[in-house]
Amino acid sequence: RIGSRIWNLERLFNIREGFTKKDDLLPSRFSTPLPEGGSRKRVSHAEEMLPEYYALRGWDTEGNPTPKLLKELHIPIER
């Protein structure tokens, strides 16, 4: 519970500072297949997994903590 409060407070801080869903992407090198080696032609599909990740965190589709979650964590909602 404490870890979840910290994680969500950090998220709220980042949102306040202008971070959006666009900033939740990995660097482009993760979506470029390697030409050789054991992981050859494998790429990250992180962007496709974001909706599920947001849901598991209790965030909305834009990656914002929901009012319900903030209430459960006793984090005051600024308006």
PDB file of N, CA and C in Angstrom:
ATOM      1  N   ARG A   1       0.829  -1.196   0.000  1.00  0.00           N
ATOM      2  CA  ARG A   1       0.000   0.000   0.000  1.00  0.00           C
ATOM      3  C   ARG A   1       0.871   1.257   0.000  1.00  0.00           C
ATOM      4  N   ILE A   2       1.917   1.263   0.792  1.00  0.00           N
ATOM      5  CA  ILE A   2       2.811   2.423   0.827  1.00  0.00           C
ATOM      6  C   ILE A   2       3.492   2.593  -0.525  1.00  0.00           C
ATOM      7  N   GLY A   3       3.944   1.475  -1.099  1.00  0.00           N
ATOM      8  CA  GLY A   3       4.581   1.539  -2.411  1.00  0.00           C
ATOM      9  C   GLY A   3       3.634   2.072  -3.474  1.00  0.00           C
ATOM     10  N   SER A   4       2.385   1.662  -3.404  1.00  0.00           N
ATOM     11  CA  SER A   4       1.388   2.135  -4.363  1.00  0.00           C
ATOM     12  C   SER A   4       1.149   3.638  -4.200  1.00  0.00           C
ATOM     13  N   ARG A   5       1.112   4.102  -2.954  1.00  0.00           N
ATOM     14  CA  ARG A   5       0.960   5.555  -2.714  1.00  0.00           C
ATOM     15  C   ARG A   5       2.131   6.315  -3.329  1.00  0.00           C
ATOM     16  N   ILE A   6       3.336   5.830  -3.098  1.00  0.00           N
ATOM     17  CA  ILE A   6       4.529   6.496  -3.634  1.00  0.00           C
ATOM     18  C   ILE A   6       4.483   6.506  -5.155  1.00  0.00           C
ATOM     19  N   TRP A   7       4.193   5.356  -5.762  1.00  0.00           N
ATOM     20  CA  TRP A   7       4.158   5.241  -7.223  1.00  0.00           C
ATOM     21  C   TRP A   7       3.148   6.224  -7.815  1.00  0.00           C
ATOM     22  N   ASN A   8       1.974   6.309  -7.197  1.00  0.00           N
ATOM     23  CA  ASN A   8       0.932   7.190  -7.715  1.00  0.00           C
ATOM     24  C   ASN A   8       1.223   8.659  -7.446  1.00  0.00           C
ATOM     25  N   LEU A   9       1.858   8.970  -6.332  1.00  0.00           N
ATOM     26  CA  LEU A   9       2.273  10.358  -6.088  1.00  0.00           C
ATOM     27  C   LEU A   9       3.314  10.788  -7.115  1.00  0.00           C
ATOM     28  N   GLU A  10       4.241   9.891  -7.437  1.00  0.00           N
ATOM     29  CA  GLU A  10       5.227  10.197  -8.484  1.00  0.00           C
ATOM     30  C   GLU A  10       4.531  10.417  -9.821  1.00  0.00           C
ATOM     31  N   ARG A  11       3.542   9.587 -10.104  1.00  0.00           N
ATOM     32  CA  ARG A  11       2.800   9.722 -11.360  1.00  0.00           C
ATOM     33  C   ARG A  11       2.074  11.071 -11.412  1.00  0.00           C
ATOM     34  N   LEU A  12       1.433  11.449 -10.319  1.00  0.00           N
ATOM     35  CA  LEU A  12       0.735  12.735 -10.267  1.00  0.00           C
ATOM     36  C   LEU A  12       1.707  13.895 -10.438  1.00  0.00           C
ATOM     37  N   PHE A  13       2.879  13.792  -9.836  1.00  0.00           N
ATOM     38  CA  PHE A  13       3.895  14.833 -10.003  1.00  0.00           C
ATOM     39  C   PHE A  13       4.275  14.954 -11.475  1.00  0.00           C
ATOM     40  N   ASN A  14       4.535  13.819 -12.123  1.00  0.00           N
ATOM     41  CA  ASN A  14       4.913  13.837 -13.539  1.00  0.00           C
ATOM     42  C   ASN A  14       3.803  14.420 -14.407  1.00  0.00           C
ATOM     43  N   ILE A  15       2.560  14.074 -14.110  1.00  0.00           N
ATOM     44  CA  ILE A  15       1.431  14.629 -14.866  1.00  0.00           C
ATOM     45  C   ILE A  15       1.382  16.142 -14.679  1.00  0.00           C
ATOM     46  N   ARG A  16       1.559  16.580 -13.450  1.00  0.00           N
ATOM     47  CA  ARG A  16       1.555  18.024 -13.173  1.00  0.00           C
ATOM     48  C   ARG A  16       2.647  18.741 -13.956  1.00  0.00           C
ATOM     49  N   GLU A  17       3.771  18.062 -14.157  1.00  0.00           N
ATOM     50  CA  GLU A  17       4.892  18.664 -14.874  1.00  0.00           C
ATOM     51  C   GLU A  17       4.790  18.506 -16.389  1.00  0.00           C
ATOM     52  N   GLY A  18       3.681  17.955 -16.867  1.00  0.00           N
ATOM     53  CA  GLY A  18       3.440  17.912 -18.300  1.00  0.00           C
ATOM     54  C   GLY A  18       3.629  16.573 -18.984  1.00  0.00           C
ATOM     55  N   PHE A  19       3.960  15.537 -18.224  1.00  0.00           N
ATOM     56  CA  PHE A  19       4.108  14.216 -18.830  1.00  0.00           C
ATOM     57  C   PHE A  19       2.737  13.690 -19.236  1.00  0.00           C
ATOM     58  N   THR A  20       2.690  12.981 -20.358  1.00  0.00           N
ATOM     59  CA  THR A  20       1.444  12.397 -20.849  1.00  0.00           C
ATOM     60  C   THR A  20       1.681  10.943 -21.245  1.00  0.00           C
ATOM     61  N   LYS A  21       0.651  10.340 -21.784  1.00  0.00           N
ATOM     62  CA  LYS A  21       0.722   8.953 -22.257  1.00  0.00           C
ATOM     63  C   LYS A  21       1.856   8.774 -23.271  1.00  0.00           C
ATOM     64  N   LYS A  22       2.131   9.803 -24.052  1.00  0.00           N
ATOM     65  CA  LYS A  22       3.204   9.734 -25.055  1.00  0.00           C
ATOM     66  C   LYS A  22       4.565   9.477 -24.412  1.00  0.00           C
ATOM     67  N   ASP A  23       4.723   9.891 -23.161  1.00  0.00           N
ATOM     68  CA  ASP A  23       6.004   9.737 -22.475  1.00  0.00           C
ATOM     69  C   ASP A  23       6.187   8.346 -21.862  1.00  0.00           C
ATOM     70  N   ASP A  24       5.181   7.495 -21.967  1.00  0.00           N
ATOM     71  CA  ASP A  24       5.261   6.145 -21.402  1.00  0.00           C
ATOM     72  C   ASP A  24       5.816   5.125 -22.386  1.00  0.00           C
ATOM     73  N   LEU A  25       6.431   5.584 -23.439  1.00  0.00           N
ATOM     74  CA  LEU A  25       6.968   4.683 -24.450  1.00  0.00           C
ATOM     75  C   LEU A  25       8.460   4.445 -24.233  1.00  0.00           C
ATOM     76  N   LEU A  26       8.905   3.281 -24.644  1.00  0.00           N
ATOM     77  CA  LEU A  26      10.329   2.956 -24.575  1.00  0.00           C
ATOM     78  C   LEU A  26      11.072   3.646 -25.711  1.00  0.00           C
ATOM     79  N   PRO A  27      12.381   3.832 -25.577  1.00  0.00           N
ATOM     80  CA  PRO A  27      13.165   4.397 -26.681  1.00  0.00           C
ATOM     81  C   PRO A  27      13.009   3.557 -27.950  1.00  0.00           C
ATOM     82  N   SER A  28      13.158   4.182 -29.094  1.00  0.00           N
ATOM     83  CA  SER A  28      12.926   3.511 -30.379  1.00  0.00           C
ATOM     84  C   SER A  28      13.818   2.288 -30.589  1.00  0.00           C
ATOM     85  N   ARG A  29      14.968   2.240 -29.947  1.00  0.00           N
ATOM     86  CA  ARG A  29      15.853   1.086 -30.156  1.00  0.00           C
ATOM     87  C   ARG A  29      15.214  -0.220 -29.664  1.00  0.00           C
ATOM     88  N   PHE A  30      14.226  -0.119 -28.787  1.00  0.00           N
ATOM     89  CA  PHE A  30      13.540  -1.320 -28.311  1.00  0.00           C
ATOM     90  C   PHE A  30      12.556  -1.864 -29.336  1.00  0.00           C
ATOM     91  N   SER A  31      12.172  -1.052 -30.306  1.00  0.00           N
ATOM     92  CA  SER A  31      11.235  -1.514 -31.333  1.00  0.00           C
ATOM     93  C   SER A  31      11.932  -1.786 -32.662  1.00  0.00           C
ATOM     94  N   THR A  32      13.270  -1.755 -32.640  1.00  0.00           N
ATOM     95  CA  THR A  32      14.060  -2.061 -33.828  1.00  0.00           C
ATOM     96  C   THR A  32      14.690  -3.438 -33.641  1.00  0.00           C
ATOM     97  N   PRO A  33      14.395  -4.392 -34.527  1.00  0.00           N
ATOM     98  CA  PRO A  33      14.959  -5.735 -34.362  1.00  0.00           C
ATOM     99  C   PRO A  33      16.479  -5.738 -34.508  1.00  0.00           C
ATOM    100  N   LEU A  34      17.123  -6.570 -33.716  1.00  0.00           N
ATOM    101  CA  LEU A  34      18.568  -6.738 -33.831  1.00  0.00           C
ATOM    102  C   LEU A  34      18.873  -7.565 -35.075  1.00  0.00           C
ATOM    103  N   PRO A  35      19.941  -7.252 -35.796  1.00  0.00           N
ATOM    104  CA  PRO A  35      20.257  -7.986 -37.020  1.00  0.00           C
ATOM    105  C   PRO A  35      20.773  -9.402 -36.765  1.00  0.00           C
ATOM    106  N   GLU A  36      21.330  -9.646 -35.577  1.00  0.00           N
ATOM    107  CA  GLU A  36      21.878 -10.977 -35.294  1.00  0.00           C
ATOM    108  C   GLU A  36      21.860 -11.232 -33.801  1.00  0.00           C
ATOM    109  N   GLY A  37      22.142 -12.465 -33.420  1.00  0.00           N
ATOM    110  CA  GLY A  37      22.203 -12.827 -32.014  1.00  0.00           C
ATOM    111  C   GLY A  37      20.956 -13.573 -31.562  1.00  0.00           C
ATOM    112  N   GLY A  38      20.936 -13.937 -30.283  1.00  0.00           N
ATOM    113  CA  GLY A  38      19.845 -14.726 -29.723  1.00  0.00           C
ATOM    114  C   GLY A  38      18.497 -14.035 -29.750  1.00  0.00           C
ATOM    115  N   SER A  39      18.490 -12.721 -29.688  1.00  0.00           N
ATOM    116  CA  SER A  39      17.227 -11.975 -29.706  1.00  0.00           C
ATOM    117  C   SER A  39      16.938 -11.387 -31.077  1.00  0.00           C
ATOM    118  N   ARG A  40      17.579 -11.939 -32.087  1.00  0.00           N
ATOM    119  CA  ARG A  40      17.419 -11.440 -33.448  1.00  0.00           C
ATOM    120  C   ARG A  40      15.939 -11.369 -33.827  1.00  0.00           C
ATOM    121  N   LYS A  41      15.573 -10.270 -34.415  1.00  0.00           N
ATOM    122  CA  LYS A  41      14.222 -10.010 -34.925  1.00  0.00           C
ATOM    123  C   LYS A  41      13.160  -9.917 -33.839  1.00  0.00           C
ATOM    124  N   ARG A  42      13.550  -9.865 -32.579  1.00  0.00           N
ATOM    125  CA  ARG A  42      12.578  -9.700 -31.499  1.00  0.00           C
ATOM    126  C   ARG A  42      12.512  -8.232 -31.127  1.00  0.00           C
ATOM    127  N   VAL A  43      11.306  -7.743 -30.944  1.00  0.00           N
ATOM    128  CA  VAL A  43      11.118  -6.346 -30.565  1.00  0.00           C
ATOM    129  C   VAL A  43      10.137  -6.267 -29.399  1.00  0.00           C
ATOM    130  N   SER A  44      10.168  -5.144 -28.706  1.00  0.00           N
ATOM    131  CA  SER A  44       9.250  -4.907 -27.601  1.00  0.00           C
ATOM    132  C   SER A  44       7.889  -4.475 -28.143  1.00  0.00           C
ATOM    133  N   HIS A  45       6.856  -4.939 -27.505  1.00  0.00           N
ATOM    134  CA  HIS A  45       5.494  -4.543 -27.865  1.00  0.00           C
ATOM    135  C   HIS A  45       4.872  -3.768 -26.702  1.00  0.00           C
ATOM    136  N   ALA A  46       5.678  -2.948 -26.050  1.00  0.00           N
ATOM    137  CA  ALA A  46       5.244  -2.226 -24.859  1.00  0.00           C
ATOM    138  C   ALA A  46       4.043  -1.334 -25.126  1.00  0.00           C
ATOM    139  N   GLU A  47       4.014  -0.685 -26.271  1.00  0.00           N
ATOM    140  CA  GLU A  47       2.904   0.225 -26.574  1.00  0.00           C
ATOM    141  C   GLU A  47       1.570  -0.528 -26.590  1.00  0.00           C
ATOM    142  N   GLU A  48       1.585  -1.746 -27.091  1.00  0.00           N
ATOM    143  CA  GLU A  48       0.374  -2.561 -27.138  1.00  0.00           C
ATOM    144  C   GLU A  48      -0.053  -3.009 -25.739  1.00  0.00           C
ATOM    145  N   MET A  49       0.892  -3.069 -24.802  1.00  0.00           N
ATOM    146  CA  MET A  49       0.596  -3.530 -23.450  1.00  0.00           C
ATOM    147  C   MET A  49       0.182  -2.403 -22.508  1.00  0.00           C
ATOM    148  N   LEU A  50       0.313  -1.146 -22.935  1.00  0.00           N
ATOM    149  CA  LEU A  50      -0.004  -0.021 -22.057  1.00  0.00           C
ATOM    150  C   LEU A  50      -1.423  -0.054 -21.499  1.00  0.00           C
ATOM    151  N   PRO A  51      -2.455  -0.316 -22.305  1.00  0.00           N
ATOM    152  CA  PRO A  51      -3.806  -0.331 -21.728  1.00  0.00           C
ATOM    153  C   PRO A  51      -3.958  -1.323 -20.570  1.00  0.00           C
ATOM    154  N   GLU A  52      -3.377  -2.500 -20.713  1.00  0.00           N
ATOM    155  CA  GLU A  52      -3.455  -3.488 -19.633  1.00  0.00           C
ATOM    156  C   GLU A  52      -2.669  -3.015 -18.414  1.00  0.00           C
ATOM    157  N   TYR A  53      -1.497  -2.436 -18.640  1.00  0.00           N
ATOM    158  CA  TYR A  53      -0.683  -1.918 -17.541  1.00  0.00           C
ATOM    159  C   TYR A  53      -1.440  -0.828 -16.784  1.00  0.00           C
ATOM    160  N   TYR A  54      -2.042   0.099 -17.532  1.00  0.00           N
ATOM    161  CA  TYR A  54      -2.814   1.174 -16.895  1.00  0.00           C
ATOM    162  C   TYR A  54      -3.950   0.598 -16.053  1.00  0.00           C
ATOM    163  N   ALA A  55      -4.652  -0.389 -16.591  1.00  0.00           N
ATOM    164  CA  ALA A  55      -5.763  -1.002 -15.861  1.00  0.00           C
ATOM    165  C   ALA A  55      -5.268  -1.671 -14.582  1.00  0.00           C
ATOM    166  N   LEU A  56      -4.143  -2.382 -14.659  1.00  0.00           N
ATOM    167  CA  LEU A  56      -3.590  -3.040 -13.473  1.00  0.00           C
ATOM    168  C   LEU A  56      -3.178  -2.036 -12.405  1.00  0.00           C
ATOM    169  N   ARG A  57      -2.736  -0.857 -12.825  1.00  0.00           N
ATOM    170  CA  ARG A  57      -2.342   0.193 -11.891  1.00  0.00           C
ATOM    171  C   ARG A  57      -3.538   0.943 -11.308  1.00  0.00           C
ATOM    172  N   GLY A  58      -4.706   0.789 -11.939  1.00  0.00           N
ATOM    173  CA  GLY A  58      -5.882   1.536 -11.495  1.00  0.00           C
ATOM    174  C   GLY A  58      -5.949   2.912 -12.126  1.00  0.00           C
ATOM    175  N   TRP A  59      -5.334   3.045 -13.293  1.00  0.00           N
ATOM    176  CA  TRP A  59      -5.308   4.322 -14.002  1.00  0.00           C
ATOM    177  C   TRP A  59      -6.322   4.293 -15.133  1.00  0.00           C
ATOM    178  N   ASP A  60      -6.673   5.478 -15.638  1.00  0.00           N
ATOM    179  CA  ASP A  60      -7.587   5.539 -16.777  1.00  0.00           C
ATOM    180  C   ASP A  60      -6.826   5.261 -18.072  1.00  0.00           C
ATOM    181  N   THR A  61      -7.507   5.360 -19.201  1.00  0.00           N
ATOM    182  CA  THR A  61      -6.884   5.013 -20.483  1.00  0.00           C
ATOM    183  C   THR A  61      -5.789   5.977 -20.904  1.00  0.00           C
ATOM    184  N   GLU A  62      -5.719   7.129 -20.264  1.00  0.00           N
ATOM    185  CA  GLU A  62      -4.662   8.097 -20.565  1.00  0.00           C
ATOM    186  C   GLU A  62      -3.481   7.978 -19.607  1.00  0.00           C
ATOM    187  N   GLY A  63      -3.572   7.045 -18.657  1.00  0.00           N
ATOM    188  CA  GLY A  63      -2.475   6.842 -17.718  1.00  0.00           C
ATOM    189  C   GLY A  63      -2.555   7.704 -16.472  1.00  0.00           C
ATOM    190  N   ASN A  64      -3.735   8.244 -16.193  1.00  0.00           N
ATOM    191  CA  ASN A  64      -3.926   9.070 -14.998  1.00  0.00           C
ATOM    192  C   ASN A  64      -4.544   8.233 -13.884  1.00  0.00           C
ATOM    193  N   PRO A  65      -4.040   8.357 -12.655  1.00  0.00           N
ATOM    194  CA  PRO A  65      -4.680   7.648 -11.545  1.00  0.00           C
ATOM    195  C   PRO A  65      -6.143   8.085 -11.430  1.00  0.00           C
ATOM    196  N   THR A  66      -7.033   7.126 -11.233  1.00  0.00           N
ATOM    197  CA  THR A  66      -8.455   7.447 -11.146  1.00  0.00           C
ATOM    198  C   THR A  66      -8.786   8.054  -9.783  1.00  0.00           C
ATOM    199  N   PRO A  67      -9.838   8.871  -9.724  1.00  0.00           N
ATOM    200  CA  PRO A  67     -10.257   9.420  -8.430  1.00  0.00           C
ATOM    201  C   PRO A  67     -10.532   8.324  -7.400  1.00  0.00           C
ATOM    202  N   LYS A  68     -11.107   7.197  -7.851  1.00  0.00           N
ATOM    203  CA  LYS A  68     -11.386   6.081  -6.940  1.00  0.00           C
ATOM    204  C   LYS A  68     -10.097   5.565  -6.308  1.00  0.00           C
ATOM    205  N   LEU A  69      -9.065   5.374  -7.121  1.00  0.00           N
ATOM    206  CA  LEU A  69      -7.783   4.887  -6.614  1.00  0.00           C
ATOM    207  C   LEU A  69      -7.175   5.883  -5.632  1.00  0.00           C
ATOM    208  N   LEU A  70      -7.195   7.151  -5.990  1.00  0.00           N
ATOM    209  CA  LEU A  70      -6.619   8.173  -5.115  1.00  0.00           C
ATOM    210  C   LEU A  70      -7.345   8.211  -3.775  1.00  0.00           C
ATOM    211  N   LYS A  71      -8.665   8.032  -3.805  1.00  0.00           N
ATOM    212  CA  LYS A  71      -9.433   8.004  -2.557  1.00  0.00           C
ATOM    213  C   LYS A  71      -9.025   6.802  -1.711  1.00  0.00           C
ATOM    214  N   GLU A  72      -8.880   5.627  -2.355  1.00  0.00           N
ATOM    215  CA  GLU A  72      -8.471   4.413  -1.636  1.00  0.00           C
ATOM    216  C   GLU A  72      -7.099   4.573  -0.993  1.00  0.00           C
ATOM    217  N   LEU A  73      -6.220   5.325  -1.658  1.00  0.00           N
ATOM    218  CA  LEU A  73      -4.858   5.517  -1.155  1.00  0.00           C
ATOM    219  C   LEU A  73      -4.736   6.738  -0.242  1.00  0.00           C
ATOM    220  N   HIS A  74      -5.860   7.393   0.015  1.00  0.00           N
ATOM    221  CA  HIS A  74      -5.889   8.593   0.864  1.00  0.00           C
ATOM    222  C   HIS A  74      -4.966   9.687   0.329  1.00  0.00           C
ATOM    223  N   ILE A  75      -5.017   9.862  -0.986  1.00  0.00           N
ATOM    224  CA  ILE A  75      -4.259  10.931  -1.636  1.00  0.00           C
ATOM    225  C   ILE A  75      -5.261  12.012  -2.009  1.00  0.00           C
ATOM    226  N   PRO A  76      -5.118  13.211  -1.441  1.00  0.00           N
ATOM    227  CA  PRO A  76      -6.080  14.278  -1.754  1.00  0.00           C
ATOM    228  C   PRO A  76      -6.042  14.647  -3.235  1.00  0.00           C
ATOM    229  N   ILE A  77      -7.206  14.933  -3.773  1.00  0.00           N
ATOM    230  CA  ILE A  77      -7.323  15.298  -5.180  1.00  0.00           C
ATOM    231  C   ILE A  77      -7.364  16.817  -5.285  1.00  0.00           C
ATOM    232  N   GLU A  78      -6.379  17.370  -5.996  1.00  0.00           N
ATOM    233  CA  GLU A  78      -6.359  18.818  -6.226  1.00  0.00           C
ATOM    234  C   GLU A  78      -7.262  19.132  -7.399  1.00  0.00           C
ATOM    235  N   ARG A  79      -7.926  20.243  -7.328  1.00  0.00           N
ATOM    236  CA  ARG A  79      -8.792  20.667  -8.441  1.00  0.00           C
ATOM    237  C   ARG A  79      -8.285  21.947  -9.020  1.00  0.00           C
TER     238      ARG A  79
END
